[in-house]
């Protein structure tokens, strides 16, 4: 009898245990925020409060140079680290920084793509990052990515990378230094069918000294401009109504000359006609070991030219340089008056 009572008690105890175990596992699923949010002891160094795998930076990355002023950031999706009974909407916070690390753009969007609304400086390196957010709680930040904004230059030709965006005639590239003219008829052409009424041309040049043309009995030209159809030969170039060339004189060590014709062939000047300044002496000492930065500005009121920031030429006009089919040429091929041995780099044409 006692054995039967003990057996019944054992069965009841087992049944109670089963019921108790079943009861302890029958709690309803928790809401996302009850398990998604980290406790104070769990907070990592980046300050994230959401238990999630980070989003990734897809593009642009690795200092990608943009070709449009529109900056679009793309991330890979993030995922939460806990199960949810109901769907959870993950948002993404994008941040963009300038080279000094200052925050420029901070946006929370519903997708993994964001078009930056802040106007960023052109031709400048920026960094960006992204993180997931749910109901105001932020997950870990992605690794930082970088890009370089578009350069708005009409022409941007470093020449130090062994290629040119222009049409090269002769010469050679020297790695890391630029393009070198090797004869009187070497040059690089940059053609602009639309012309350029208000523009700034800049370039660096080195490996030339004073009176480089004395050996050839020529005044050599750093740069020439005019109608692209007028570069066929000496006479065609000389007589065209838009001829321009910047000259190093062979008869004076620091001498320079500019001839800039603004739509007419009058050698005595006027508008249109030759705007010509011939200087025996300038503040520039030419040495083959120095780098010279040339800047030519022109617009509706005239032109100005400086070398290494020193003004050399400045003249006004009433009839501006409005030709279409503009050609800018390093050197002066039709007159066989290009520098021999000169090295050019960092060619840039902009509209200031």
Protein backbone atom coordinates (compact mmCIF):
# COMPACT_ATOMS: atom_id res chain seq x y z
CA UNK A 1 0.00 0.00 0.00
CA UNK A 2 2.78 2.37 0.89
CA UNK A 3 4.48 1.63 -2.45
CA UNK A 4 1.30 2.60 -4.36
CA UNK A 5 1.05 5.88 -2.40
CA UNK A 6 4.71 6.73 -3.08
CA UNK A 7 4.28 6.01 -6.78
CA UNK A 8 1.27 8.30 -6.98
CA UNK A 9 3.14 11.07 -5.19
CA UNK A 10 6.05 10.70 -7.62
CA UNK A 11 3.77 10.97 -10.63
CA UNK A 12 2.18 14.11 -9.20
CA UNK A 13 5.56 15.67 -8.59
CA UNK A 14 6.63 14.91 -12.18
CA UNK A 15 3.39 16.37 -13.53
CA UNK A 16 3.86 19.51 -11.45
CA UNK A 17 7.40 19.88 -12.78
CA UNK A 18 6.24 19.61 -16.35
CA UNK A 19 3.54 22.20 -15.78
CA UNK A 20 6.02 24.45 -14.03
CA UNK A 21 8.53 24.20 -16.90
CA UNK A 22 5.87 24.87 -19.47
CA UNK A 23 4.73 27.92 -17.51
CA UNK A 24 8.26 29.40 -17.34
CA UNK A 25 8.70 29.30 -21.16
CA UNK A 26 5.33 30.66 -22.17
CA UNK A 27 6.07 34.39 -21.88
CA UNK A 28 4.98 36.52 -24.86
CA UNK A 29 7.66 37.96 -27.26
CA UNK A 30 9.08 41.31 -26.16
CA UNK A 31 8.95 44.46 -28.24
CA UNK A 32 12.09 45.40 -30.21
CA UNK A 33 13.01 48.27 -27.93
CA UNK A 34 12.96 46.08 -24.82
CA UNK A 35 15.91 44.00 -26.00
CA UNK A 36 17.40 46.21 -28.69
CA UNK A 37 18.62 48.90 -26.35
CA UNK A 38 21.93 48.27 -24.64
CA UNK A 39 22.33 48.71 -20.91
CA UNK A 40 24.87 51.20 -19.56
CA UNK A 41 27.30 48.34 -19.02
CA UNK A 42 26.98 47.33 -22.69
CA UNK A 43 27.57 50.74 -24.28
CA UNK A 44 30.69 50.66 -26.51
CA UNK A 45 33.17 53.46 -27.07
CA UNK A 46 31.30 54.77 -30.13
CA UNK A 47 28.23 55.50 -28.02
CA UNK A 48 25.87 53.23 -29.96
CA UNK A 49 22.75 52.18 -28.07
CA UNK A 50 21.16 49.82 -30.62
CA UNK A 51 22.08 46.13 -30.84
CA UNK A 52 22.73 45.90 -34.58
CA UNK A 53 25.30 44.95 -37.14
CA UNK A 54 26.75 48.12 -38.75
CA UNK A 55 25.89 49.31 -42.23
CA UNK A 56 28.71 49.42 -44.74
CA UNK A 57 29.96 52.25 -46.97
CA UNK A 58 29.51 51.21 -50.61
CA UNK A 59 30.15 54.36 -52.62
CA UNK A 60 31.89 56.69 -52.98
CA UNK A 61 34.98 55.31 -51.21
CA UNK A 62 38.79 55.37 -51.40
CA UNK A 63 39.07 59.05 -52.43
CA UNK A 64 36.92 58.50 -55.52
CA UNK A 65 36.93 61.66 -57.67
CA UNK A 66 33.36 62.68 -58.45
CA UNK A 67 32.38 63.83 -61.93
CA UNK A 68 29.18 65.60 -60.92
CA UNK A 69 28.35 68.27 -58.34
CA UNK A 70 25.60 65.94 -57.08
CA UNK A 71 26.95 63.80 -54.22
CA UNK A 72 25.05 60.54 -53.61
CA UNK A 73 26.10 58.28 -50.73
CA UNK A 74 25.23 54.58 -50.81
CA UNK A 75 25.42 52.17 -47.86
CA UNK A 76 24.83 48.46 -47.45
CA UNK A 77 21.88 47.41 -45.22
CA UNK A 78 22.34 46.88 -41.50
CA UNK A 79 20.69 44.09 -39.50
CA UNK A 80 19.44 43.85 -35.90
CA UNK A 81 20.96 41.36 -33.47
CA UNK A 82 17.69 40.19 -31.87
CA UNK A 83 14.48 38.51 -33.10
CA UNK A 84 11.37 40.64 -33.42
CA UNK A 85 7.72 39.62 -33.31
CA UNK A 86 6.76 42.48 -35.62
CA UNK A 87 8.68 44.11 -38.49
CA UNK A 88 11.05 46.89 -37.49
CA UNK A 89 11.89 49.84 -39.75
CA UNK A 90 15.59 50.62 -39.81
CA UNK A 91 16.59 54.17 -40.72
CA UNK A 92 20.07 55.33 -41.65
CA UNK A 93 21.96 58.36 -40.44
CA UNK A 94 24.53 59.78 -42.86
CA UNK A 95 27.24 62.23 -41.79
CA UNK A 96 29.68 64.13 -44.01
CA UNK A 97 32.85 65.87 -42.79
CA UNK A 98 35.28 68.38 -44.29
CA UNK A 99 39.09 67.86 -44.32
CA UNK A 100 39.35 69.38 -40.84
CA UNK A 101 36.81 66.91 -39.46
CA UNK A 102 33.97 69.42 -39.06
CA UNK A 103 30.47 68.01 -39.52
CA UNK A 104 28.89 69.41 -42.71
CA UNK A 105 25.81 67.24 -43.24
CA UNK A 106 23.82 65.11 -40.78
CA UNK A 107 20.70 63.43 -42.16
CA UNK A 108 18.40 60.58 -41.11
CA UNK A 109 16.70 58.86 -44.05
CA UNK A 110 14.56 55.79 -44.59
CA UNK A 111 16.81 54.08 -47.15
CA UNK A 112 20.43 53.18 -47.74
CA UNK A 113 20.98 55.98 -50.28
CA UNK A 114 21.27 59.68 -49.49
CA UNK A 115 21.83 62.72 -51.72
CA UNK A 116 23.85 65.30 -49.83
CA UNK A 117 21.99 68.60 -49.54
CA UNK A 118 24.85 70.70 -48.17
CA UNK A 119 26.91 72.54 -50.80
CA UNK A 120 30.43 71.08 -50.57
CA UNK A 121 33.64 72.79 -51.63
CA UNK A 122 34.75 71.70 -55.11
CA UNK A 123 37.84 69.59 -55.67
CA UNK A 124 38.09 68.85 -51.94
CA UNK A 125 38.47 65.60 -50.00
CA UNK A 126 35.53 64.78 -47.72
CA UNK A 127 34.80 61.82 -45.44
CA UNK A 128 31.49 60.19 -44.53
CA UNK A 129 29.99 57.47 -42.35
CA UNK A 130 26.60 55.85 -41.74
CA UNK A 131 24.80 53.98 -38.96
CA UNK A 132 21.41 52.29 -38.47
CA UNK A 133 18.81 53.78 -36.14
CA UNK A 134 15.53 52.42 -34.74
CA UNK A 135 13.08 54.51 -32.75
CA UNK A 136 15.73 57.05 -31.81
CA UNK A 137 18.36 54.49 -30.80
CA UNK A 138 21.60 54.41 -32.83
CA UNK A 139 23.66 51.41 -33.85
CA UNK A 140 27.42 51.31 -34.40
CA UNK A 141 28.99 53.61 -36.99
CA UNK A 142 30.44 52.22 -40.19
CA UNK A 143 34.09 52.61 -41.08
CA UNK A 144 34.81 56.07 -42.50
CA UNK A 145 34.91 56.41 -46.30
CA UNK A 146 36.24 59.26 -48.43
CA UNK A 147 35.68 61.01 -51.75
CA UNK A 148 36.89 64.10 -53.63
CA UNK A 149 34.27 66.49 -54.96
CA UNK A 150 34.07 67.45 -58.61
CA UNK A 151 36.55 69.95 -59.99
CA UNK A 152 34.51 72.52 -61.90
CA UNK A 153 37.44 73.40 -64.14
CA UNK A 154 36.74 73.44 -67.87
CA UNK A 155 40.23 72.00 -68.32
CA UNK A 156 42.02 70.17 -65.53
CA UNK A 157 45.14 68.48 -66.86
CA UNK A 158 47.89 67.68 -64.32
CA UNK A 159 50.19 66.10 -66.98
CA UNK A 160 52.12 64.44 -64.13
CA UNK A 161 50.23 61.17 -64.58
CA UNK A 162 51.53 60.44 -68.09
CA UNK A 163 48.37 61.42 -69.97
CA UNK A 164 46.67 64.57 -71.24
CA UNK A 165 43.07 65.54 -71.87
CA UNK A 166 44.31 67.63 -74.80
CA UNK A 167 45.82 66.70 -78.16
CA UNK A 168 49.55 66.15 -77.75
CA UNK A 169 51.88 66.94 -80.63
CA UNK A 170 55.36 65.56 -79.89
CA UNK A 171 57.22 65.92 -76.63
CA UNK A 172 57.27 63.36 -73.84
CA UNK A 173 55.87 62.74 -70.38
CA UNK A 174 58.18 62.61 -67.38
CA UNK A 175 56.61 60.67 -64.50
CA UNK A 176 55.66 62.93 -61.63
CA UNK A 177 56.97 66.05 -63.40
CA UNK A 178 54.75 66.73 -66.38
CA UNK A 179 54.96 67.03 -70.16
CA UNK A 180 58.20 68.19 -71.79
CA UNK A 181 58.43 69.96 -75.14
CA UNK A 182 61.44 68.64 -77.06
CA UNK A 183 61.34 70.78 -80.20
CA UNK A 184 60.20 74.12 -81.59
CA UNK A 185 57.11 72.41 -83.03
CA UNK A 186 55.92 70.46 -79.98
CA UNK A 187 52.74 71.41 -78.17
CA UNK A 188 49.44 70.38 -76.62
CA UNK A 189 46.12 71.65 -77.98
CA UNK A 190 43.00 72.23 -75.90
CA UNK A 191 39.98 72.95 -78.10
CA UNK A 192 36.83 74.63 -76.80
CA UNK A 193 34.16 74.83 -79.52
CA UNK A 194 32.00 77.04 -77.30
CA UNK A 195 34.79 79.55 -76.69
CA UNK A 196 35.49 81.20 -73.33
CA UNK A 197 34.62 84.88 -72.91
CA UNK A 198 35.41 85.22 -69.19
CA UNK A 199 38.07 82.73 -68.12
CA UNK A 200 41.23 82.10 -66.15
CA UNK A 201 44.06 79.95 -67.53
CA UNK A 202 46.73 78.72 -65.13
CA UNK A 203 49.74 76.48 -65.58
CA UNK A 204 53.13 75.71 -64.04
CA UNK A 205 56.32 75.62 -66.09
CA UNK A 206 59.92 74.80 -65.26
CA UNK A 207 63.23 73.75 -66.83
CA UNK A 208 63.76 76.93 -68.84
CA UNK A 209 66.01 79.91 -68.26
CA UNK A 210 66.46 83.42 -69.62
CA UNK A 211 66.63 84.19 -73.35
CA UNK A 212 65.87 80.59 -74.36
CA UNK A 213 65.22 81.66 -77.95
CA UNK A 214 68.57 83.38 -78.49
CA UNK A 215 70.09 80.20 -79.96
CA UNK A 216 67.27 79.99 -82.52
CA UNK A 217 67.02 83.75 -83.20
CA UNK A 218 63.39 83.52 -82.08
CA UNK A 219 61.16 84.89 -79.35
CA UNK A 220 59.67 81.71 -77.91
CA UNK A 221 56.06 81.38 -76.74
CA UNK A 222 54.80 79.85 -73.50
CA UNK A 223 51.21 79.70 -74.70
CA UNK A 224 49.16 80.67 -77.77
CA UNK A 225 45.43 81.06 -78.37
CA UNK A 226 43.11 81.74 -81.27
CA UNK A 227 40.64 80.24 -83.72
CA UNK A 228 41.38 76.51 -83.96
CA UNK A 229 41.11 76.79 -87.76
CA UNK A 230 43.89 79.39 -87.77
CA UNK A 231 46.74 77.17 -86.55
CA UNK A 232 47.52 75.59 -89.93
CA UNK A 233 50.70 77.48 -90.79
CA UNK A 234 52.75 80.56 -90.00
CA UNK A 235 50.80 83.00 -92.16
CA UNK A 236 47.36 81.69 -91.19
CA UNK A 237 48.16 82.05 -87.51
CA UNK A 238 49.85 85.45 -87.91
CA UNK A 239 46.90 86.95 -89.79
CA UNK A 240 43.96 85.52 -87.84
CA UNK A 241 41.84 88.10 -85.98
CA UNK A 242 41.94 86.28 -82.63
CA UNK A 243 45.65 85.59 -82.32
CA UNK A 244 47.22 85.63 -78.87
CA UNK A 245 50.64 84.58 -77.64
CA UNK A 246 52.68 85.14 -74.50
CA UNK A 247 56.32 85.66 -75.35
CA UNK A 248 59.73 85.38 -73.75
CA UNK A 249 62.00 87.87 -75.49
CA UNK A 250 65.37 86.63 -76.68
CA UNK A 251 67.05 90.04 -76.55
CA UNK A 252 66.58 90.88 -72.84
CA UNK A 253 67.13 88.45 -69.92
CA UNK A 254 63.87 89.36 -68.18
CA UNK A 255 62.01 90.67 -71.23
CA UNK A 256 58.42 89.56 -72.01
CA UNK A 257 55.76 90.44 -74.55
CA UNK A 258 52.06 89.89 -75.04
CA UNK A 259 50.11 90.14 -78.27
CA UNK A 260 46.37 89.68 -77.81
CA UNK A 261 44.15 90.39 -80.81
CA UNK A 262 40.46 90.71 -79.98
CA UNK A 263 38.71 90.17 -83.28
CA UNK A 264 40.56 92.42 -85.72
CA UNK A 265 43.84 92.57 -87.58
CA UNK A 266 44.81 96.21 -86.95
CA UNK A 267 48.50 96.05 -85.89
CA UNK A 268 48.20 99.55 -84.42
CA UNK A 269 45.77 98.41 -81.77
CA UNK A 270 42.22 99.56 -81.21
CA UNK A 271 39.07 97.58 -80.64
CA UNK A 272 39.19 95.20 -82.31
CA UNK A 273 42.90 95.02 -83.02
CA UNK A 274 46.28 94.18 -81.52
CA UNK A 275 46.62 94.72 -77.79
CA UNK A 276 50.36 94.55 -77.50
CA UNK A 277 52.71 95.27 -74.65
CA UNK A 278 56.46 94.78 -75.06
CA UNK A 279 58.62 94.91 -71.94
CA UNK A 280 62.42 95.00 -71.93
CA UNK A 281 62.54 94.37 -68.19
CA UNK A 282 60.22 92.58 -65.78
CA UNK A 283 60.53 91.59 -62.07
CA UNK A 284 60.86 87.94 -63.11
CA UNK A 285 64.29 86.27 -63.09
CA UNK A 286 64.18 83.13 -65.21
CA UNK A 287 66.07 80.10 -63.90
CA UNK A 288 65.81 76.48 -65.06
CA UNK A 289 65.66 75.30 -61.42
CA UNK A 290 62.56 77.31 -60.53
CA UNK A 291 58.88 76.60 -61.06
CA UNK A 292 56.81 79.45 -62.49
CA UNK A 293 53.07 79.73 -62.04
CA UNK A 294 51.41 81.59 -64.91
CA UNK A 295 47.92 83.04 -64.62
CA UNK A 296 46.03 84.65 -67.49
CA UNK A 297 42.66 86.28 -66.80
CA UNK A 298 40.40 87.73 -69.46
CA UNK A 299 36.84 88.97 -69.63
CA UNK A 300 34.60 91.65 -71.07
CA UNK A 301 36.77 94.51 -69.79
CA UNK A 302 40.25 93.31 -70.74
CA UNK A 303 43.00 90.93 -69.64
CA UNK A 304 45.71 90.61 -67.01
CA UNK A 305 48.68 88.28 -66.71
CA UNK A 306 50.81 87.43 -63.69
CA UNK A 307 53.76 85.14 -62.99
CA UNK A 308 54.24 83.73 -59.49
CA UNK A 309 51.63 86.21 -58.29
CA UNK A 310 53.52 89.22 -59.72
CA UNK A 311 51.44 91.32 -62.17
CA UNK A 312 53.12 91.67 -65.55
CA UNK A 313 50.47 92.76 -68.07
CA UNK A 314 47.15 94.51 -67.61
CA UNK A 315 45.15 96.12 -70.40
CA UNK A 316 41.52 96.96 -71.05
CA UNK A 317 39.38 96.59 -74.15
CA UNK A 318 35.89 97.40 -75.35
CA UNK A 319 35.49 94.45 -77.69
CA UNK A 320 35.95 91.24 -75.72
CA UNK A 321 37.51 87.92 -76.69
CA UNK A 322 34.28 86.33 -77.90
CA UNK A 323 35.37 83.85 -80.54
CA UNK A 324 33.96 80.34 -80.71
CA UNK A 325 36.11 77.37 -81.70
CA UNK A 326 38.83 78.53 -79.32
CA UNK A 327 42.15 76.71 -79.23
CA UNK A 328 44.63 77.05 -76.38
CA UNK A 329 48.06 75.69 -77.28
CA UNK A 330 51.10 75.13 -75.09
CA UNK A 331 53.93 76.54 -77.17
CA UNK A 332 53.38 77.91 -80.67
CA UNK A 333 53.54 75.22 -83.34
CA UNK A 334 52.54 77.23 -86.45
CA UNK A 335 55.41 79.68 -85.88
CA UNK A 336 57.85 76.93 -84.77
CA UNK A 337 58.42 78.92 -81.58
CA UNK A 338 57.76 76.45 -78.76
CA UNK A 339 60.26 76.21 -75.90
CA UNK A 340 62.71 73.31 -76.15
CA UNK A 341 63.12 71.42 -72.87
CA UNK A 342 60.42 73.25 -70.93
CA UNK A 343 58.20 71.11 -68.65
CA UNK A 344 54.52 72.00 -68.19
CA UNK A 345 52.10 70.73 -65.56
CA UNK A 346 48.86 71.58 -63.73
CA UNK A 347 47.00 73.10 -66.68
CA UNK A 348 43.67 74.51 -65.54
CA UNK A 349 41.01 76.61 -67.22
CA UNK A 350 38.18 77.92 -65.05
CA UNK A 351 35.41 80.50 -65.12
CA UNK A 352 36.04 82.59 -61.99
